[in-house]
């Protein structure tokens, strides 16, 4: 197995593990935190699809189109929206904590 092929499979395994961990969070949270976790899960799925497409391109199954740009846009869009939702949630929690004091 070539080094490049090894890294493709390593990235795929790590990305799938990330999907499993993130989906475990989605099932255990509610309301706004649920939205943030779903957006982060979508980012993980987009990233994993990109790795899969890279692997299929490596073996010559799919044409050599630059999938990376589309996947990066989707990943960053979902990741940024998820982090924005988490940030908003934390800010609201800080405000309510200050109001209780």
C-alpha atoms as a PDB file:
ATOM      1  CA  UNK A   1       0.000   0.000   0.000  1.00  0.00           C
ATOM      2  CA  UNK A   2       1.389   3.357  -0.990  1.00  0.00           C
ATOM      3  CA  UNK A   3       1.674   6.165   1.543  1.00  0.00           C
ATOM      4  CA  UNK A   4      -0.912   8.325  -0.250  1.00  0.00           C
ATOM      5  CA  UNK A   5      -3.400   5.447  -0.228  1.00  0.00           C
ATOM      6  CA  UNK A   6      -2.754   4.873   3.484  1.00  0.00           C
ATOM      7  CA  UNK A   7      -3.505   8.524   4.266  1.00  0.00           C
ATOM      8  CA  UNK A   8      -6.722   8.399   2.240  1.00  0.00           C
ATOM      9  CA  UNK A   9      -7.923   5.484   4.340  1.00  0.00           C
ATOM     10  CA  UNK A  10      -6.699   7.076   7.585  1.00  0.00           C
ATOM     11  CA  UNK A  11      -8.597  10.282   6.792  1.00  0.00           C
ATOM     12  CA  UNK A  12     -11.700   8.285   5.907  1.00  0.00           C
ATOM     13  CA  UNK A  13     -11.542   6.320   9.177  1.00  0.00           C
ATOM     14  CA  UNK A  14     -11.068   9.489  11.241  1.00  0.00           C
ATOM     15  CA  UNK A  15     -13.888  11.271   9.413  1.00  0.00           C
ATOM     16  CA  UNK A  16     -16.263   8.332   9.964  1.00  0.00           C
ATOM     17  CA  UNK A  17     -15.300   8.299  13.651  1.00  0.00           C
ATOM     18  CA  UNK A  18     -16.055  11.998  13.820  1.00  0.00           C
ATOM     19  CA  UNK A  19     -19.490  11.394  12.293  1.00  0.00           C
ATOM     20  CA  UNK A  20     -20.231   8.697  14.883  1.00  0.00           C
ATOM     21  CA  UNK A  21     -19.184  10.956  17.772  1.00  0.00           C
ATOM     22  CA  UNK A  22     -21.083  13.982  16.467  1.00  0.00           C
ATOM     23  CA  UNK A  23     -24.245  11.991  15.771  1.00  0.00           C
ATOM     24  CA  UNK A  24     -24.067  10.702  19.349  1.00  0.00           C
ATOM     25  CA  UNK A  25     -24.240  14.303  20.527  1.00  0.00           C
ATOM     26  CA  UNK A  26     -27.163  15.109  18.209  1.00  0.00           C
ATOM     27  CA  UNK A  27     -29.298  12.379  19.821  1.00  0.00           C
ATOM     28  CA  UNK A  28     -28.613  13.659  23.367  1.00  0.00           C
ATOM     29  CA  UNK A  29     -29.156  17.416  23.115  1.00  0.00           C
ATOM     30  CA  UNK A  30     -32.178  19.654  22.703  1.00  0.00           C
ATOM     31  CA  UNK A  31     -33.279  22.952  21.210  1.00  0.00           C
ATOM     32  CA  UNK A  32     -30.542  25.350  20.033  1.00  0.00           C
ATOM     33  CA  UNK A  33     -27.717  23.003  20.944  1.00  0.00           C
ATOM     34  CA  UNK A  34     -29.414  20.401  18.744  1.00  0.00           C
ATOM     35  CA  UNK A  35     -29.306  22.789  15.776  1.00  0.00           C
ATOM     36  CA  UNK A  36     -25.604  23.483  16.314  1.00  0.00           C
ATOM     37  CA  UNK A  37     -24.798  19.783  16.614  1.00  0.00           C
ATOM     38  CA  UNK A  38     -26.757  19.000  13.429  1.00  0.00           C
ATOM     39  CA  UNK A  39     -24.858  21.688  11.528  1.00  0.00           C
ATOM     40  CA  UNK A  40     -21.536  20.313  12.782  1.00  0.00           C
ATOM     41  CA  UNK A  41     -22.670  16.814  11.802  1.00  0.00           C
ATOM     42  CA  UNK A  42     -23.495  18.097   8.298  1.00  0.00           C
ATOM     43  CA  UNK A  43     -19.991  19.595   8.123  1.00  0.00           C
ATOM     44  CA  UNK A  44     -18.499  16.214   9.068  1.00  0.00           C
ATOM     45  CA  UNK A  45     -20.601  14.430   6.460  1.00  0.00           C
ATOM     46  CA  UNK A  46     -19.558  16.908   3.741  1.00  0.00           C
ATOM     47  CA  UNK A  47     -15.906  16.436   4.703  1.00  0.00           C
ATOM     48  CA  UNK A  48     -16.255  12.640   4.657  1.00  0.00           C
ATOM     49  CA  UNK A  49     -17.926  12.693   1.242  1.00  0.00           C
ATOM     50  CA  UNK A  50     -14.980  14.732  -0.024  1.00  0.00           C
ATOM     51  CA  UNK A  51     -12.552  12.128   1.295  1.00  0.00           C
ATOM     52  CA  UNK A  52     -14.585   9.383  -0.340  1.00  0.00           C
ATOM     53  CA  UNK A  53     -14.544  11.239  -3.659  1.00  0.00           C
ATOM     54  CA  UNK A  54     -10.782  11.723  -3.368  1.00  0.00           C
ATOM     55  CA  UNK A  55     -10.393   7.998  -2.771  1.00  0.00           C
ATOM     56  CA  UNK A  56     -12.614   7.162  -5.768  1.00  0.00           C
ATOM     57  CA  UNK A  57     -10.605   9.619  -7.864  1.00  0.00           C
ATOM     58  CA  UNK A  58      -7.375   7.963  -6.674  1.00  0.00           C
ATOM     59  CA  UNK A  59      -8.609   4.616  -8.031  1.00  0.00           C
ATOM     60  CA  UNK A  60      -9.921   6.229 -11.229  1.00  0.00           C
ATOM     61  CA  UNK A  61     -13.590   5.417 -10.540  1.00  0.00           C
ATOM     62  CA  UNK A  62     -14.775   9.019 -10.826  1.00  0.00           C
ATOM     63  CA  UNK A  63     -13.359  11.619 -13.212  1.00  0.00           C
ATOM     64  CA  UNK A  64     -10.663  13.928 -11.934  1.00  0.00           C
ATOM     65  CA  UNK A  65     -12.829  16.922 -11.180  1.00  0.00           C
ATOM     66  CA  UNK A  66     -11.761  19.197  -8.332  1.00  0.00           C
ATOM     67  CA  UNK A  67     -14.264  17.998  -5.725  1.00  0.00           C
ATOM     68  CA  UNK A  68     -12.214  19.593  -2.989  1.00  0.00           C
ATOM     69  CA  UNK A  69     -13.459  23.113  -3.618  1.00  0.00           C
ATOM     70  CA  UNK A  70     -17.133  22.172  -3.391  1.00  0.00           C
ATOM     71  CA  UNK A  71     -16.564  20.041  -0.292  1.00  0.00           C
ATOM     72  CA  UNK A  72     -14.531  22.789   1.389  1.00  0.00           C
ATOM     73  CA  UNK A  73     -17.312  25.302   0.764  1.00  0.00           C
ATOM     74  CA  UNK A  74     -19.951  22.944   2.204  1.00  0.00           C
ATOM     75  CA  UNK A  75     -17.762  22.022   5.164  1.00  0.00           C
ATOM     76  CA  UNK A  76     -16.914  25.614   6.038  1.00  0.00           C
ATOM     77  CA  UNK A  77     -20.510  26.758   5.570  1.00  0.00           C
ATOM     78  CA  UNK A  78     -21.947  24.109   7.907  1.00  0.00           C
ATOM     79  CA  UNK A  79     -19.071  24.380  10.388  1.00  0.00           C
ATOM     80  CA  UNK A  80     -19.318  28.176  10.569  1.00  0.00           C
ATOM     81  CA  UNK A  81     -23.093  28.095  11.024  1.00  0.00           C
ATOM     82  CA  UNK A  82     -22.752  25.449  13.735  1.00  0.00           C
ATOM     83  CA  UNK A  83     -20.120  27.425  15.600  1.00  0.00           C
ATOM     84  CA  UNK A  84     -22.193  30.600  15.239  1.00  0.00           C
ATOM     85  CA  UNK A  85     -25.162  28.831  16.821  1.00  0.00           C
ATOM     86  CA  UNK A  86     -22.963  27.552  19.669  1.00  0.00           C
ATOM     87  CA  UNK A  87     -21.523  31.030  20.187  1.00  0.00           C
ATOM     88  CA  UNK A  88     -25.009  32.544  20.345  1.00  0.00           C
ATOM     89  CA  UNK A  89     -26.063  29.897  22.855  1.00  0.00           C
ATOM     90  CA  UNK A  90     -23.059  30.590  25.096  1.00  0.00           C
ATOM     91  CA  UNK A  91     -23.647  34.357  24.946  1.00  0.00           C
ATOM     92  CA  UNK A  92     -27.299  33.861  25.941  1.00  0.00           C
ATOM     93  CA  UNK A  93     -26.255  31.586  28.811  1.00  0.00           C
ATOM     94  CA  UNK A  94     -23.778  34.214  30.041  1.00  0.00           C
ATOM     95  CA  UNK A  95     -26.476  36.897  29.903  1.00  0.00           C
ATOM     96  CA  UNK A  96     -28.954  34.801  31.861  1.00  0.00           C
ATOM     97  CA  UNK A  97     -26.243  33.956  34.401  1.00  0.00           C
ATOM     98  CA  UNK A  98     -25.469  37.676  34.888  1.00  0.00           C
ATOM     99  CA  UNK A  99     -29.169  38.466  35.285  1.00  0.00           C
ATOM    100  CA  UNK A 100     -29.500  35.873  38.075  1.00  0.00           C
ATOM    101  CA  UNK A 101     -26.734  37.510  40.084  1.00  0.00           C
END
